[in-house]
Protein backbone atom coordinates (compact mmCIF):
# COMPACT_ATOMS: atom_id res chain seq x y z
CA UNK A 1 -7.90 -2.83 14.85
CA UNK A 2 -10.72 -4.01 17.66
CA UNK A 3 -12.37 -4.76 14.75
CA UNK A 4 -10.09 -7.14 13.13
CA UNK A 5 -9.67 -8.65 16.74
CA UNK A 6 -13.37 -9.43 17.19
CA UNK A 7 -13.23 -11.56 14.08
CA UNK A 8 -10.22 -13.72 15.55
CA UNK A 9 -8.01 -12.48 12.03
CA UNK A 10 -4.32 -12.15 12.60
CA UNK A 11 -2.88 -8.73 11.64
CA UNK A 12 0.25 -7.07 11.12
CA UNK A 13 0.87 -3.38 10.87
CA UNK A 14 3.24 -0.28 11.68
CA UNK A 15 3.05 2.06 14.46
CA UNK A 16 3.94 5.23 14.39
CA UNK A 17 6.67 6.32 17.17
CA UNK A 18 4.41 8.03 19.26
CA UNK A 19 2.09 5.15 19.74
CA UNK A 20 1.78 4.55 23.27
CA UNK A 21 2.68 1.25 24.83
CA UNK A 22 3.34 -0.20 28.59
CA UNK A 23 5.79 -2.73 28.41
CA UNK A 24 6.71 -3.48 32.05
CA UNK A 25 3.15 -2.34 33.88
CA UNK A 26 5.20 1.25 34.48
CA UNK A 27 2.80 3.29 32.34
CA UNK A 28 2.53 4.09 28.96
CA UNK A 29 4.81 5.71 26.60
CA UNK A 30 5.74 6.13 23.61
CA UNK A 31 6.97 2.84 21.66
CA UNK A 32 10.60 4.98 20.46
CA UNK A 33 11.32 5.16 24.38
CA UNK A 34 10.75 1.37 24.66
CA UNK A 35 13.55 -1.06 24.31
CA UNK A 36 12.74 -3.76 21.84
CA UNK A 37 14.12 -7.23 21.51
CA UNK A 38 15.95 -8.30 18.08
CA UNK A 39 13.08 -11.07 18.04
CA UNK A 40 10.08 -9.09 18.75
CA UNK A 41 8.79 -7.61 22.49
CA UNK A 42 5.70 -8.28 23.97
CA UNK A 43 3.84 -5.12 25.27
CA UNK A 44 0.20 -4.09 26.10
CA UNK A 45 -1.02 -1.21 23.21
CA UNK A 46 -2.79 1.50 24.76
CA UNK A 47 -6.40 1.04 24.01
CA UNK A 48 -6.27 -2.71 22.28
CA UNK A 49 -4.46 -5.33 24.34
CA UNK A 50 -1.32 -7.61 24.11
CA UNK A 51 0.55 -7.35 20.95
CA UNK A 52 4.05 -8.58 19.69
CA UNK A 53 6.35 -5.51 18.27
CA UNK A 54 8.89 -5.94 16.10
CA UNK A 55 11.58 -2.82 15.72
CA UNK A 56 13.55 -2.49 12.04
CA UNK A 57 16.21 -0.22 11.61
CA UNK A 58 17.22 0.57 7.90
CA UNK A 59 20.64 1.20 6.64
CA UNK A 60 19.67 4.79 6.15
CA UNK A 61 19.27 4.59 10.01
CA UNK A 62 15.58 5.18 9.81
CA UNK A 63 13.35 3.26 12.22
CA UNK A 64 10.03 1.24 11.75
CA UNK A 65 7.71 -0.41 14.56
CA UNK A 66 5.81 -3.41 13.46
CA UNK A 67 2.97 -4.78 15.35
CA UNK A 68 0.73 -7.95 15.22
CA UNK A 69 -1.80 -9.86 17.54
CA UNK A 70 0.23 -13.16 16.85
CA UNK A 71 2.06 -13.31 19.98
CA UNK A 72 3.96 -16.26 18.67
CA UNK A 73 5.13 -15.07 15.43
CA UNK A 74 8.94 -14.90 14.63
CA UNK A 75 10.92 -12.38 12.68
CA UNK A 76 11.18 -14.67 9.63
CA UNK A 77 7.36 -14.51 9.62
CA UNK A 78 7.48 -10.68 10.33
CA UNK A 79 9.56 -10.34 7.18
CA UNK A 80 7.39 -12.55 5.12
CA UNK A 81 4.89 -10.30 5.58
CA UNK A 82 6.61 -7.08 5.42
CA UNK A 83 7.35 -8.42 1.94
CA UNK A 84 3.64 -8.87 1.08
CA UNK A 85 3.02 -5.34 2.98
CA UNK A 86 5.88 -3.89 0.35
CA UNK A 87 3.89 -5.60 -2.49
CA UNK A 88 0.82 -4.22 -1.92
CA UNK A 89 2.08 -1.01 -1.41
CA UNK A 90 3.82 -0.99 -5.14
CA UNK A 91 0.66 -1.52 -6.27
CA UNK A 92 -1.19 0.83 -4.48
CA UNK A 93 1.52 3.27 -6.03
CA UNK A 94 1.03 2.09 -9.66
CA UNK A 95 -2.51 2.23 -9.68
CA UNK A 96 -2.63 5.80 -8.09
CA UNK A 97 0.31 7.10 -10.22
CA UNK A 98 -0.14 5.44 -13.98
CA UNK A 99 -4.26 4.90 -13.82
CA UNK A 100 -5.25 7.89 -12.05
CA UNK A 101 -7.70 5.98 -9.44
CA UNK A 102 -7.74 8.82 -7.08
CA UNK A 103 -8.60 11.63 -9.45
CA UNK A 104 -12.03 11.01 -9.96
CA UNK A 105 -14.44 14.45 -10.68
CA UNK A 106 -17.48 12.22 -10.17
CA UNK A 107 -20.22 12.54 -7.45
CA UNK A 108 -22.49 9.89 -8.20
CA UNK A 109 -21.95 6.11 -6.61
CA UNK A 110 -22.49 4.33 -10.26
CA UNK A 111 -19.70 7.07 -11.81
CA UNK A 112 -17.45 6.54 -8.96
CA UNK A 113 -17.90 2.63 -9.24
CA UNK A 114 -17.50 2.83 -12.95
CA UNK A 115 -14.37 4.74 -12.44
CA UNK A 116 -12.65 2.70 -10.09
CA UNK A 117 -13.18 -0.54 -12.27
CA UNK A 118 -11.94 1.05 -15.40
CA UNK A 119 -9.09 2.52 -13.45
CA UNK A 120 -8.26 -1.24 -12.44
CA UNK A 121 -9.17 -2.44 -15.78
CA UNK A 122 -6.45 -0.53 -17.25
CA UNK A 123 -3.96 -1.48 -14.56
CA UNK A 124 -4.65 -4.71 -15.38
CA UNK A 125 -3.59 -4.26 -19.20
CA UNK A 126 -0.46 -2.64 -17.95
CA UNK A 127 0.59 -4.98 -15.71
CA UNK A 128 -0.19 -7.67 -18.57
CA UNK A 129 2.10 -5.47 -20.84
CA UNK A 130 4.46 -5.29 -18.23
CA UNK A 131 4.60 -9.25 -17.75
CA UNK A 132 4.32 -10.07 -21.47
CA UNK A 133 7.02 -7.70 -22.73
CA UNK A 134 9.28 -6.98 -19.32
CA UNK A 135 9.34 -3.27 -19.18
CA UNK A 136 8.45 -1.03 -16.34
CA UNK A 137 4.82 0.28 -15.83
CA UNK A 138 6.39 3.77 -17.10
CA UNK A 139 7.31 2.36 -20.61
CA UNK A 140 4.18 0.43 -20.50
CA UNK A 141 2.02 3.15 -20.10
CA UNK A 142 3.91 5.36 -22.68
CA UNK A 143 3.92 2.73 -25.28
CA UNK A 144 0.21 2.09 -24.80
CA UNK A 145 -0.41 6.11 -24.83
CA UNK A 146 1.89 6.39 -28.22
CA UNK A 147 0.39 3.59 -29.90
CA UNK A 148 -3.31 5.05 -29.36
CA UNK A 149 -1.69 8.90 -30.54
CA UNK A 150 -0.16 7.07 -33.55
CA UNK A 151 -3.52 4.96 -34.82
CA UNK A 152 -5.70 8.45 -34.17
CA UNK A 153 -2.98 10.55 -36.28
CA UNK A 154 -3.60 7.92 -39.12
CA UNK A 155 -7.73 8.12 -38.85
CA UNK A 156 -8.62 11.19 -36.57
CA UNK A 157 -12.28 10.83 -35.76
CA UNK A 158 -13.04 14.40 -34.94
CA UNK A 159 -11.72 17.27 -36.92
CA UNK A 160 -11.02 20.51 -35.61
CA UNK A 161 -13.46 23.55 -36.97
CA UNK A 162 -11.89 26.64 -38.42
CA UNK A 163 -13.16 30.17 -37.13
CA UNK A 164 -13.10 32.11 -39.84
């Protein structure tokens, strides 16, 4: 976060409930022990500086703490940013689950780069198929794999040799 601050960029991120903050010059304590206003509260984040913190309680009772260096951010702006963050998380989940981007067994830089780029290409093809046909990523991948297997079975390129 300090590097981002030095670049003068605005950021928003989640904080763990144990992250230490000082809201009232009474010393650092976990953010979960601090009362956060509905429209956000200014606190001093240990080892960083002043941030605005929002507390979000889900319908299930789960609590998330979001912090930003934009001290004038409204709850509506925070909501917009969190929706974008959720889309990014969906993308990461999709590219891991359906394209195996993290399953590379290679060590050389060039091979890793190739694996990442081909995983991205595969994800973009699944995404294009998803938009064109209007089905889920899972179904899109399944249809692509099914069609590839059918094509191979029609014209097998490699034959299994018998061991007799």
